[in-house]
């Protein structure tokens, strides 16, 4: 499952660290070595990281490679410039040199591949990446996913495993295309919860034919109009909590996919108490020259939850 989620969406030649950055002391292992010792990871932790991570405040501390040419992939391990905390999972994306001379990442997609495991296996490469003195002083290692202890923890772990199995089943049939769709969806949710226009606008299809069919029956047509509506909603409480147990992704045709999942929507006007409503979130994804984009969003009631609440 780790390789399935992580190997879609960023194929081709391995990216090198940006020029002009030289530090660290690890040598890059051969692709065959990297493939045989691919780091393990957690699917659910990668989703949590994708939903909550603030990539603008994180920099690259190293990378590891998975696979062998022509199917080789590179993943980067990040550290927060504010707290020095190392993120758990590797991230694919495009590198750039920040104004502070450290290496940032654009268009990130989180993979369920553990940076701590990669470091333990000796395949994490840190040469070529500059970290400021303040970040180096604060830096803490990436922690592996803790093992559960006790009956309650085992029960929670079982629930998490079931959710992971459902999400894995949604991805396994379609391969890389559905993996890329999942990466776009997680970025969309992260952007919505952060009220980040740049992130949300990047994953929506810039078209007058974009449509957001809302829960109450209204529809907003047009990319610009939808972004304006999102920004208005963000003035109050606005949080989306996907329920991964029933997530499904279907490939409708080459370059077109549909993702449907239950979702808890917590919204409220400024200064008023928010309410949480269970909904079905449906999205039509299309593949463009710039990657997958969300072309339509359809919100419908989550009938099974509504029936249970109504007795």
C-alpha atoms as a PDB file:
ATOM      1  CA  UNK A   1       0.000   0.000   0.000  1.00  0.00           C
ATOM      2  CA  UNK A   2       2.879   2.365   0.791  1.00  0.00           C
ATOM      3  CA  UNK A   3       4.349   2.054  -2.679  1.00  0.00           C
ATOM      4  CA  UNK A   4       0.922   2.272  -4.288  1.00  0.00           C
ATOM      5  CA  UNK A   5       0.015   5.604  -2.725  1.00  0.00           C
ATOM      6  CA  UNK A   6       3.424   7.133  -3.123  1.00  0.00           C
ATOM      7  CA  UNK A   7       4.444   6.143  -6.625  1.00  0.00           C
ATOM      8  CA  UNK A   8       1.659   7.920  -8.477  1.00  0.00           C
ATOM      9  CA  UNK A   9       1.824  11.502  -9.645  1.00  0.00           C
ATOM     10  CA  UNK A  10       5.545  12.163  -9.537  1.00  0.00           C
ATOM     11  CA  UNK A  11       7.173   9.856 -12.042  1.00  0.00           C
ATOM     12  CA  UNK A  12      10.187  10.317 -14.280  1.00  0.00           C
ATOM     13  CA  UNK A  13      13.749  11.378 -13.539  1.00  0.00           C
ATOM     14  CA  UNK A  14      14.767  11.987  -9.969  1.00  0.00           C
ATOM     15  CA  UNK A  15      15.035  15.638  -9.017  1.00  0.00           C
ATOM     16  CA  UNK A  16      18.352  16.922  -7.699  1.00  0.00           C
ATOM     17  CA  UNK A  17      18.709  19.399  -4.812  1.00  0.00           C
ATOM     18  CA  UNK A  18      18.712  23.034  -5.975  1.00  0.00           C
ATOM     19  CA  UNK A  19      22.142  24.319  -7.023  1.00  0.00           C
ATOM     20  CA  UNK A  20      24.193  26.298  -4.566  1.00  0.00           C
ATOM     21  CA  UNK A  21      23.309  24.220  -1.504  1.00  0.00           C
ATOM     22  CA  UNK A  22      26.061  22.028  -0.137  1.00  0.00           C
ATOM     23  CA  UNK A  23      25.943  20.535   3.318  1.00  0.00           C
ATOM     24  CA  UNK A  24      25.357  17.194   5.011  1.00  0.00           C
ATOM     25  CA  UNK A  25      27.361  14.039   4.615  1.00  0.00           C
ATOM     26  CA  UNK A  26      25.252  11.153   3.333  1.00  0.00           C
ATOM     27  CA  UNK A  27      25.907   9.480   0.003  1.00  0.00           C
ATOM     28  CA  UNK A  28      23.004   8.533  -2.237  1.00  0.00           C
ATOM     29  CA  UNK A  29      22.377   4.775  -2.292  1.00  0.00           C
ATOM     30  CA  UNK A  30      21.929   2.941  -5.556  1.00  0.00           C
ATOM     31  CA  UNK A  31      18.320   2.657  -6.801  1.00  0.00           C
ATOM     32  CA  UNK A  32      18.402  -1.123  -6.323  1.00  0.00           C
ATOM     33  CA  UNK A  33      19.451  -0.698  -2.688  1.00  0.00           C
ATOM     34  CA  UNK A  34      16.731   1.892  -2.157  1.00  0.00           C
ATOM     35  CA  UNK A  35      14.137  -0.397  -3.682  1.00  0.00           C
ATOM     36  CA  UNK A  36      15.091  -3.364  -1.539  1.00  0.00           C
ATOM     37  CA  UNK A  37      15.028  -1.275   1.638  1.00  0.00           C
ATOM     38  CA  UNK A  38      12.037   0.954   0.911  1.00  0.00           C
ATOM     39  CA  UNK A  39      10.914   2.579   4.174  1.00  0.00           C
ATOM     40  CA  UNK A  40       7.685   1.450   5.768  1.00  0.00           C
ATOM     41  CA  UNK A  41       5.028   3.921   6.700  1.00  0.00           C
ATOM     42  CA  UNK A  42       1.429   4.558   7.735  1.00  0.00           C
ATOM     43  CA  UNK A  43      -1.333   5.365   5.267  1.00  0.00           C
ATOM     44  CA  UNK A  44      -3.420   7.120   7.910  1.00  0.00           C
ATOM     45  CA  UNK A  45      -0.506   9.185   9.216  1.00  0.00           C
ATOM     46  CA  UNK A  46       0.178  10.358   5.656  1.00  0.00           C
ATOM     47  CA  UNK A  47      -3.438  11.506   5.312  1.00  0.00           C
ATOM     48  CA  UNK A  48      -3.286  13.309   8.665  1.00  0.00           C
ATOM     49  CA  UNK A  49      -0.043  14.996   7.645  1.00  0.00           C
ATOM     50  CA  UNK A  50      -1.486  16.044   4.277  1.00  0.00           C
ATOM     51  CA  UNK A  51      -4.562  17.553   5.939  1.00  0.00           C
ATOM     52  CA  UNK A  52      -2.673  19.527   8.596  1.00  0.00           C
ATOM     53  CA  UNK A  53       0.780  20.339   7.250  1.00  0.00           C
ATOM     54  CA  UNK A  54       1.828  23.931   6.512  1.00  0.00           C
ATOM     55  CA  UNK A  55       4.340  23.483   3.702  1.00  0.00           C
ATOM     56  CA  UNK A  56       5.125  27.211   3.524  1.00  0.00           C
ATOM     57  CA  UNK A  57       6.738  26.970   6.957  1.00  0.00           C
ATOM     58  CA  UNK A  58       8.763  23.818   6.293  1.00  0.00           C
ATOM     59  CA  UNK A  59      12.041  23.118   4.523  1.00  0.00           C
ATOM     60  CA  UNK A  60      13.747  20.028   3.119  1.00  0.00           C
ATOM     61  CA  UNK A  61      16.302  18.291   5.341  1.00  0.00           C
ATOM     62  CA  UNK A  62      16.968  15.274   3.107  1.00  0.00           C
ATOM     63  CA  UNK A  63      15.593  12.813   0.575  1.00  0.00           C
ATOM     64  CA  UNK A  64      15.360   9.087  -0.140  1.00  0.00           C
ATOM     65  CA  UNK A  65      14.740   7.173  -3.373  1.00  0.00           C
ATOM     66  CA  UNK A  66      12.334   4.304  -4.022  1.00  0.00           C
ATOM     67  CA  UNK A  67      12.351   2.011  -7.047  1.00  0.00           C
ATOM     68  CA  UNK A  68      14.760   1.753  -9.939  1.00  0.00           C
ATOM     69  CA  UNK A  69      14.844   3.438 -13.386  1.00  0.00           C
ATOM     70  CA  UNK A  70      12.653   4.003 -15.263  1.00  0.00           C
ATOM     71  CA  UNK A  71      10.223   3.677 -12.356  1.00  0.00           C
ATOM     72  CA  UNK A  72      12.259   5.530  -9.712  1.00  0.00           C
ATOM     73  CA  UNK A  73      10.796   8.112  -7.346  1.00  0.00           C
ATOM     74  CA  UNK A  74      12.260  10.592  -4.884  1.00  0.00           C
ATOM     75  CA  UNK A  75      10.696  11.703  -1.606  1.00  0.00           C
ATOM     76  CA  UNK A  76      11.779  14.559   0.637  1.00  0.00           C
ATOM     77  CA  UNK A  77      11.796  14.777   4.436  1.00  0.00           C
ATOM     78  CA  UNK A  78      10.729  18.117   5.870  1.00  0.00           C
ATOM     79  CA  UNK A  79      11.353  20.054   9.061  1.00  0.00           C
ATOM     80  CA  UNK A  80       9.426  23.018  10.502  1.00  0.00           C
ATOM     81  CA  UNK A  81      11.436  26.246  10.527  1.00  0.00           C
ATOM     82  CA  UNK A  82       9.396  27.425  13.520  1.00  0.00           C
ATOM     83  CA  UNK A  83       9.482  24.405  15.836  1.00  0.00           C
ATOM     84  CA  UNK A  84      12.300  22.252  14.437  1.00  0.00           C
ATOM     85  CA  UNK A  85       9.948  19.263  14.333  1.00  0.00           C
ATOM     86  CA  UNK A  86      10.640  16.751  11.568  1.00  0.00           C
ATOM     87  CA  UNK A  87       7.593  15.495   9.674  1.00  0.00           C
ATOM     88  CA  UNK A  88       6.852  11.777   9.812  1.00  0.00           C
ATOM     89  CA  UNK A  89       6.303  10.981   6.124  1.00  0.00           C
ATOM     90  CA  UNK A  90       8.179  11.662   2.919  1.00  0.00           C
ATOM     91  CA  UNK A  91       6.779  14.177   0.434  1.00  0.00           C
ATOM     92  CA  UNK A  92       7.001  14.359  -3.361  1.00  0.00           C
ATOM     93  CA  UNK A  93       7.067  17.723  -5.087  1.00  0.00           C
ATOM     94  CA  UNK A  94       9.107  20.408  -6.849  1.00  0.00           C
ATOM     95  CA  UNK A  95      12.082  21.943  -5.042  1.00  0.00           C
ATOM     96  CA  UNK A  96      12.976  25.627  -4.969  1.00  0.00           C
ATOM     97  CA  UNK A  97      15.460  27.835  -3.117  1.00  0.00           C
ATOM     98  CA  UNK A  98      13.757  30.072  -0.557  1.00  0.00           C
ATOM     99  CA  UNK A  99      14.801  33.640   0.204  1.00  0.00           C
ATOM    100  CA  UNK A 100      16.546  32.365   3.341  1.00  0.00           C
ATOM    101  CA  UNK A 101      18.664  30.018   1.128  1.00  0.00           C
ATOM    102  CA  UNK A 102      16.986  26.898   2.517  1.00  0.00           C
ATOM    103  CA  UNK A 103      15.185  24.439   0.238  1.00  0.00           C
ATOM    104  CA  UNK A 104      11.386  24.583   0.048  1.00  0.00           C
ATOM    105  CA  UNK A 105       8.917  22.428  -1.858  1.00  0.00           C
ATOM    106  CA  UNK A 106       6.024  23.243  -4.203  1.00  0.00           C
ATOM    107  CA  UNK A 107       3.029  21.103  -5.155  1.00  0.00           C
ATOM    108  CA  UNK A 108       3.656  18.611  -2.352  1.00  0.00           C
ATOM    109  CA  UNK A 109       2.003  15.189  -2.102  1.00  0.00           C
ATOM    110  CA  UNK A 110       2.468  13.245   1.127  1.00  0.00           C
ATOM    111  CA  UNK A 111       3.409   9.547   0.831  1.00  0.00           C
ATOM    112  CA  UNK A 112       2.990   6.820   3.476  1.00  0.00           C
ATOM    113  CA  UNK A 113       6.764   6.287   3.620  1.00  0.00           C
ATOM    114  CA  UNK A 114       8.479   6.939   6.954  1.00  0.00           C
ATOM    115  CA  UNK A 115      11.400   9.363   7.100  1.00  0.00           C
ATOM    116  CA  UNK A 116      12.496   7.841  10.415  1.00  0.00           C
ATOM    117  CA  UNK A 117      12.571   4.396   8.812  1.00  0.00           C
ATOM    118  CA  UNK A 118      14.507   5.723   5.816  1.00  0.00           C
ATOM    119  CA  UNK A 119      17.049   7.280   8.171  1.00  0.00           C
ATOM    120  CA  UNK A 120      17.348   4.056  10.167  1.00  0.00           C
ATOM    121  CA  UNK A 121      17.917   2.061   6.973  1.00  0.00           C
ATOM    122  CA  UNK A 122      20.684   4.463   5.946  1.00  0.00           C
ATOM    123  CA  UNK A 123      19.008   5.626   2.722  1.00  0.00           C
ATOM    124  CA  UNK A 124      18.230   9.200   3.789  1.00  0.00           C
ATOM    125  CA  UNK A 125      20.489  11.637   1.893  1.00  0.00           C
ATOM    126  CA  UNK A 126      21.118  14.977   3.610  1.00  0.00           C
ATOM    127  CA  UNK A 127      23.911  16.347   1.429  1.00  0.00           C
ATOM    128  CA  UNK A 128      22.922  19.349  -0.675  1.00  0.00           C
ATOM    129  CA  UNK A 129      20.401  20.787   1.775  1.00  0.00           C
ATOM    130  CA  UNK A 130      21.082  23.915   3.839  1.00  0.00           C
ATOM    131  CA  UNK A 131      19.479  24.410   7.251  1.00  0.00           C
ATOM    132  CA  UNK A 132      19.871  27.661   9.134  1.00  0.00           C
ATOM    133  CA  UNK A 133      21.578  27.625  12.530  1.00  0.00           C
ATOM    134  CA  UNK A 134      18.287  28.331  14.321  1.00  0.00           C
ATOM    135  CA  UNK A 135      16.521  25.415  12.617  1.00  0.00           C
ATOM    136  CA  UNK A 136      19.460  23.074  13.276  1.00  0.00           C
ATOM    137  CA  UNK A 137      19.429  23.936  16.991  1.00  0.00           C
ATOM    138  CA  UNK A 138      15.709  23.253  17.326  1.00  0.00           C
ATOM    139  CA  UNK A 139      15.546  20.195  15.057  1.00  0.00           C
ATOM    140  CA  UNK A 140      14.062  17.013  16.502  1.00  0.00           C
ATOM    141  CA  UNK A 141      14.073  13.664  14.688  1.00  0.00           C
ATOM    142  CA  UNK A 142      11.045  12.258  12.920  1.00  0.00           C
ATOM    143  CA  UNK A 143       9.245   9.845  15.217  1.00  0.00           C
ATOM    144  CA  UNK A 144       7.979   6.506  13.944  1.00  0.00           C
ATOM    145  CA  UNK A 145       4.277   5.777  14.363  1.00  0.00           C
ATOM    146  CA  UNK A 146       3.881   4.521  17.951  1.00  0.00           C
ATOM    147  CA  UNK A 147       2.677   0.985  18.552  1.00  0.00           C
ATOM    148  CA  UNK A 148      -0.607   0.742  20.465  1.00  0.00           C
ATOM    149  CA  UNK A 149      -0.671  -0.551  24.032  1.00  0.00           C
ATOM    150  CA  UNK A 150      -3.710  -1.510  26.053  1.00  0.00           C
ATOM    151  CA  UNK A 151      -7.190  -2.622  25.068  1.00  0.00           C
ATOM    152  CA  UNK A 152      -8.466   0.859  24.181  1.00  0.00           C
ATOM    153  CA  UNK A 153      -5.429   1.581  22.028  1.00  0.00           C
ATOM    154  CA  UNK A 154      -5.773  -1.767  20.284  1.00  0.00           C
ATOM    155  CA  UNK A 155      -9.430  -1.031  19.572  1.00  0.00           C
ATOM    156  CA  UNK A 156      -8.523   2.380  18.139  1.00  0.00           C
ATOM    157  CA  UNK A 157      -5.775   0.781  16.084  1.00  0.00           C
ATOM    158  CA  UNK A 158      -8.281  -1.727  14.727  1.00  0.00           C
ATOM    159  CA  UNK A 159     -10.625   1.081  13.698  1.00  0.00           C
ATOM    160  CA  UNK A 160      -7.761   2.929  12.027  1.00  0.00           C
ATOM    161  CA  UNK A 161      -6.687  -0.233  10.241  1.00  0.00           C
ATOM    162  CA  UNK A 162     -10.225  -0.740   8.950  1.00  0.00           C
ATOM    163  CA  UNK A 163     -10.283   2.835   7.639  1.00  0.00           C
ATOM    164  CA  UNK A 164      -6.921   2.272   5.976  1.00  0.00           C
ATOM    165  CA  UNK A 165      -8.167  -0.930   4.353  1.00  0.00           C
ATOM    166  CA  UNK A 166     -11.198   0.857   2.920  1.00  0.00           C
ATOM    167  CA  UNK A 167      -9.077   3.721   1.591  1.00  0.00           C
ATOM    168  CA  UNK A 168      -6.531   1.273   0.223  1.00  0.00           C
ATOM    169  CA  UNK A 169      -9.266  -0.612  -1.615  1.00  0.00           C
ATOM    170  CA  UNK A 170     -10.433   2.657  -3.164  1.00  0.00           C
ATOM    171  CA  UNK A 171      -6.960   3.200  -4.607  1.00  0.00           C
ATOM    172  CA  UNK A 172      -5.717  -0.282  -5.424  1.00  0.00           C
ATOM    173  CA  UNK A 173      -7.959  -0.955  -8.405  1.00  0.00           C
ATOM    174  CA  UNK A 174      -7.082   2.176 -10.335  1.00  0.00           C
ATOM    175  CA  UNK A 175      -3.346   2.509  -9.786  1.00  0.00           C
ATOM    176  CA  UNK A 176      -1.412   5.738 -10.287  1.00  0.00           C
ATOM    177  CA  UNK A 177      -4.312   7.843 -11.622  1.00  0.00           C
ATOM    178  CA  UNK A 178      -6.406   7.287  -8.514  1.00  0.00           C
ATOM    179  CA  UNK A 179      -3.358   7.889  -6.338  1.00  0.00           C
ATOM    180  CA  UNK A 180      -2.853  11.286  -7.958  1.00  0.00           C
ATOM    181  CA  UNK A 181      -6.537  12.100  -7.486  1.00  0.00           C
ATOM    182  CA  UNK A 182      -6.204  11.238  -3.795  1.00  0.00           C
ATOM    183  CA  UNK A 183      -3.195  13.551  -3.473  1.00  0.00           C
ATOM    184  CA  UNK A 184      -5.175  16.440  -5.008  1.00  0.00           C
ATOM    185  CA  UNK A 185      -8.116  15.743  -2.693  1.00  0.00           C
ATOM    186  CA  UNK A 186      -5.954  15.769   0.448  1.00  0.00           C
ATOM    187  CA  UNK A 187      -4.409  19.064  -0.672  1.00  0.00           C
ATOM    188  CA  UNK A 188      -7.882  20.508  -1.266  1.00  0.00           C
ATOM    189  CA  UNK A 189      -9.013  19.534   2.253  1.00  0.00           C
ATOM    190  CA  UNK A 190      -5.826  20.924   3.795  1.00  0.00           C
ATOM    191  CA  UNK A 191      -6.298  24.211   1.932  1.00  0.00           C
ATOM    192  CA  UNK A 192      -9.949  24.480   2.953  1.00  0.00           C
ATOM    193  CA  UNK A 193      -9.182  23.898   6.630  1.00  0.00           C
ATOM    194  CA  UNK A 194      -6.316  26.400   6.511  1.00  0.00           C
ATOM    195  CA  UNK A 195      -8.547  28.904   4.659  1.00  0.00           C
ATOM    196  CA  UNK A 196      -5.708  29.172   2.151  1.00  0.00           C
ATOM    197  CA  UNK A 197      -6.796  30.663  -1.176  1.00  0.00           C
ATOM    198  CA  UNK A 198      -3.506  29.803  -2.896  1.00  0.00           C
ATOM    199  CA  UNK A 199      -3.793  26.090  -2.127  1.00  0.00           C
ATOM    200  CA  UNK A 200      -7.489  25.738  -2.949  1.00  0.00           C
ATOM    201  CA  UNK A 201      -7.274  27.772  -6.155  1.00  0.00           C
ATOM    202  CA  UNK A 202      -4.363  25.616  -7.314  1.00  0.00           C
ATOM    203  CA  UNK A 203      -6.361  22.356  -7.234  1.00  0.00           C
ATOM    204  CA  UNK A 204      -9.609  23.669  -8.764  1.00  0.00           C
ATOM    205  CA  UNK A 205     -10.144  23.781 -12.522  1.00  0.00           C
ATOM    206  CA  UNK A 206      -9.873  27.393 -13.675  1.00  0.00           C
ATOM    207  CA  UNK A 207     -12.961  27.408 -15.882  1.00  0.00           C
ATOM    208  CA  UNK A 208     -16.297  29.190 -16.110  1.00  0.00           C
ATOM    209  CA  UNK A 209     -17.821  25.689 -16.279  1.00  0.00           C
ATOM    210  CA  UNK A 210     -16.596  24.779 -12.807  1.00  0.00           C
ATOM    211  CA  UNK A 211     -19.618  24.124 -10.583  1.00  0.00           C
ATOM    212  CA  UNK A 212     -20.078  23.801  -6.818  1.00  0.00           C
ATOM    213  CA  UNK A 213     -23.495  22.240  -6.147  1.00  0.00           C
ATOM    214  CA  UNK A 214     -24.214  23.092  -2.525  1.00  0.00           C
ATOM    215  CA  UNK A 215     -26.006  21.203   0.237  1.00  0.00           C
ATOM    216  CA  UNK A 216     -29.034  23.495   0.222  1.00  0.00           C
ATOM    217  CA  UNK A 217     -29.679  23.051  -3.491  1.00  0.00           C
ATOM    218  CA  UNK A 218     -27.986  26.181  -4.836  1.00  0.00           C
ATOM    219  CA  UNK A 219     -25.182  25.949  -7.396  1.00  0.00           C
ATOM    220  CA  UNK A 220     -22.260  28.284  -7.921  1.00  0.00           C
ATOM    221  CA  UNK A 221     -20.911  28.310 -11.466  1.00  0.00           C
ATOM    222  CA  UNK A 222     -17.451  29.520 -12.368  1.00  0.00           C
ATOM    223  CA  UNK A 223     -13.981  29.176 -10.842  1.00  0.00           C
ATOM    224  CA  UNK A 224     -13.744  32.815  -9.728  1.00  0.00           C
ATOM    225  CA  UNK A 225     -17.261  32.806  -8.318  1.00  0.00           C
ATOM    226  CA  UNK A 226     -16.569  29.626  -6.331  1.00  0.00           C
ATOM    227  CA  UNK A 227     -13.338  31.036  -4.899  1.00  0.00           C
ATOM    228  CA  UNK A 228     -15.175  34.196  -3.828  1.00  0.00           C
ATOM    229  CA  UNK A 229     -17.823  32.046  -2.118  1.00  0.00           C
ATOM    230  CA  UNK A 230     -15.183  30.003  -0.305  1.00  0.00           C
ATOM    231  CA  UNK A 231     -13.440  33.142   0.931  1.00  0.00           C
ATOM    232  CA  UNK A 232     -16.728  34.497   2.216  1.00  0.00           C
ATOM    233  CA  UNK A 233     -17.420  31.227   4.063  1.00  0.00           C
ATOM    234  CA  UNK A 234     -13.912  31.266   5.577  1.00  0.00           C
ATOM    235  CA  UNK A 235     -14.759  34.492   7.454  1.00  0.00           C
ATOM    236  CA  UNK A 236     -16.664  32.306   9.919  1.00  0.00           C
ATOM    237  CA  UNK A 237     -16.092  28.729  11.074  1.00  0.00           C
ATOM    238  CA  UNK A 238     -15.309  26.384   8.188  1.00  0.00           C
ATOM    239  CA  UNK A 239     -13.816  22.938   8.710  1.00  0.00           C
ATOM    240  CA  UNK A 240     -14.047  19.741   6.666  1.00  0.00           C
ATOM    241  CA  UNK A 241     -13.438  16.341   8.274  1.00  0.00           C
ATOM    242  CA  UNK A 242     -13.408  13.518   5.675  1.00  0.00           C
ATOM    243  CA  UNK A 243     -14.563  10.082   6.858  1.00  0.00           C
ATOM    244  CA  UNK A 244     -12.178   7.774   5.014  1.00  0.00           C
ATOM    245  CA  UNK A 245     -13.956   4.506   5.801  1.00  0.00           C
ATOM    246  CA  UNK A 246     -16.275   4.784   2.805  1.00  0.00           C
ATOM    247  CA  UNK A 247     -14.118   6.736   0.384  1.00  0.00           C
ATOM    248  CA  UNK A 248     -14.419   5.540  -3.207  1.00  0.00           C
ATOM    249  CA  UNK A 249     -12.607   6.624  -6.368  1.00  0.00           C
ATOM    250  CA  UNK A 250     -13.848   5.572  -9.809  1.00  0.00           C
ATOM    251  CA  UNK A 251     -12.133   6.099 -13.143  1.00  0.00           C
ATOM    252  CA  UNK A 252     -14.891   7.237 -15.479  1.00  0.00           C
ATOM    253  CA  UNK A 253     -12.678   7.483 -18.574  1.00  0.00           C
ATOM    254  CA  UNK A 254      -9.018   8.281 -19.327  1.00  0.00           C
ATOM    255  CA  UNK A 255      -8.332  11.580 -17.596  1.00  0.00           C
ATOM    256  CA  UNK A 256     -11.631  11.697 -15.688  1.00  0.00           C
ATOM    257  CA  UNK A 257     -12.297  10.348 -12.187  1.00  0.00           C
ATOM    258  CA  UNK A 258     -14.939  10.671  -9.484  1.00  0.00           C
ATOM    259  CA  UNK A 259     -14.235  10.685  -5.733  1.00  0.00           C
ATOM    260  CA  UNK A 260     -17.065  10.272  -3.221  1.00  0.00           C
ATOM    261  CA  UNK A 261     -16.727  10.168   0.563  1.00  0.00           C
ATOM    262  CA  UNK A 262     -18.725  10.981   3.692  1.00  0.00           C
ATOM    263  CA  UNK A 263     -17.570  14.187   5.315  1.00  0.00           C
ATOM    264  CA  UNK A 264     -18.361  16.128   8.489  1.00  0.00           C
ATOM    265  CA  UNK A 265     -18.853  19.795   7.646  1.00  0.00           C
ATOM    266  CA  UNK A 266     -18.559  22.228  10.573  1.00  0.00           C
ATOM    267  CA  UNK A 267     -19.646  25.732   9.588  1.00  0.00           C
ATOM    268  CA  UNK A 268     -20.860  28.867  11.294  1.00  0.00           C
ATOM    269  CA  UNK A 269     -21.207  32.565  10.586  1.00  0.00           C
ATOM    270  CA  UNK A 270     -18.757  34.945  12.275  1.00  0.00           C
ATOM    271  CA  UNK A 271     -19.549  35.311  15.972  1.00  0.00           C
ATOM    272  CA  UNK A 272     -22.106  32.495  15.994  1.00  0.00           C
ATOM    273  CA  UNK A 273     -21.887  28.919  17.268  1.00  0.00           C
ATOM    274  CA  UNK A 274     -20.999  26.508  14.444  1.00  0.00           C
ATOM    275  CA  UNK A 275     -22.923  23.344  13.648  1.00  0.00           C
ATOM    276  CA  UNK A 276     -21.650  20.050  12.247  1.00  0.00           C
ATOM    277  CA  UNK A 277     -23.522  18.393   9.390  1.00  0.00           C
ATOM    278  CA  UNK A 278     -22.752  14.978   7.868  1.00  0.00           C
ATOM    279  CA  UNK A 279     -22.685  15.170   4.075  1.00  0.00           C
ATOM    280  CA  UNK A 280     -21.613  13.215   1.022  1.00  0.00           C
ATOM    281  CA  UNK A 281     -18.817  15.031  -0.804  1.00  0.00           C
ATOM    282  CA  UNK A 282     -18.513  14.196  -4.494  1.00  0.00           C
ATOM    283  CA  UNK A 283     -15.894  15.570  -6.841  1.00  0.00           C
ATOM    284  CA  UNK A 284     -15.241  15.193 -10.563  1.00  0.00           C
ATOM    285  CA  UNK A 285     -11.501  15.287 -11.284  1.00  0.00           C
ATOM    286  CA  UNK A 286     -10.002  15.915 -14.723  1.00  0.00           C
ATOM    287  CA  UNK A 287      -6.412  15.570 -15.838  1.00  0.00           C
ATOM    288  CA  UNK A 288      -4.894  18.703 -17.378  1.00  0.00           C
ATOM    289  CA  UNK A 289      -1.420  19.590 -18.635  1.00  0.00           C
ATOM    290  CA  UNK A 290      -0.681  20.888 -15.144  1.00  0.00           C
ATOM    291  CA  UNK A 291      -1.952  17.762 -13.383  1.00  0.00           C
ATOM    292  CA  UNK A 292      -5.282  16.654 -11.939  1.00  0.00           C
ATOM    293  CA  UNK A 293      -7.816  19.338 -11.043  1.00  0.00           C
ATOM    294  CA  UNK A 294     -11.265  19.328  -9.409  1.00  0.00           C
ATOM    295  CA  UNK A 295     -13.785  20.297 -12.108  1.00  0.00           C
ATOM    296  CA  UNK A 296     -17.022  19.929 -10.115  1.00  0.00           C
ATOM    297  CA  UNK A 297     -18.075  19.520  -6.488  1.00  0.00           C
ATOM    298  CA  UNK A 298     -21.441  18.033  -5.502  1.00  0.00           C
ATOM    299  CA  UNK A 299     -22.692  18.095  -1.904  1.00  0.00           C
ATOM    300  CA  UNK A 300     -25.601  15.825  -0.891  1.00  0.00           C
ATOM    301  CA  UNK A 301     -27.059  14.714   2.464  1.00  0.00           C
ATOM    302  CA  UNK A 302     -25.506  11.732   4.232  1.00  0.00           C
ATOM    303  CA  UNK A 303     -28.827   9.913   4.525  1.00  0.00           C
ATOM    304  CA  UNK A 304     -27.719   7.066   6.822  1.00  0.00           C
ATOM    305  CA  UNK A 305     -26.453   9.538   9.442  1.00  0.00           C
ATOM    306  CA  UNK A 306     -29.593  11.690   9.127  1.00  0.00           C
ATOM    307  CA  UNK A 307     -31.842   8.627   9.590  1.00  0.00           C
ATOM    308  CA  UNK A 308     -29.942   7.585  12.729  1.00  0.00           C
ATOM    309  CA  UNK A 309     -30.213  11.074  14.240  1.00  0.00           C
ATOM    310  CA  UNK A 310     -33.924  11.239  13.466  1.00  0.00           C
ATOM    311  CA  UNK A 311     -34.581   7.967  15.274  1.00  0.00           C
END
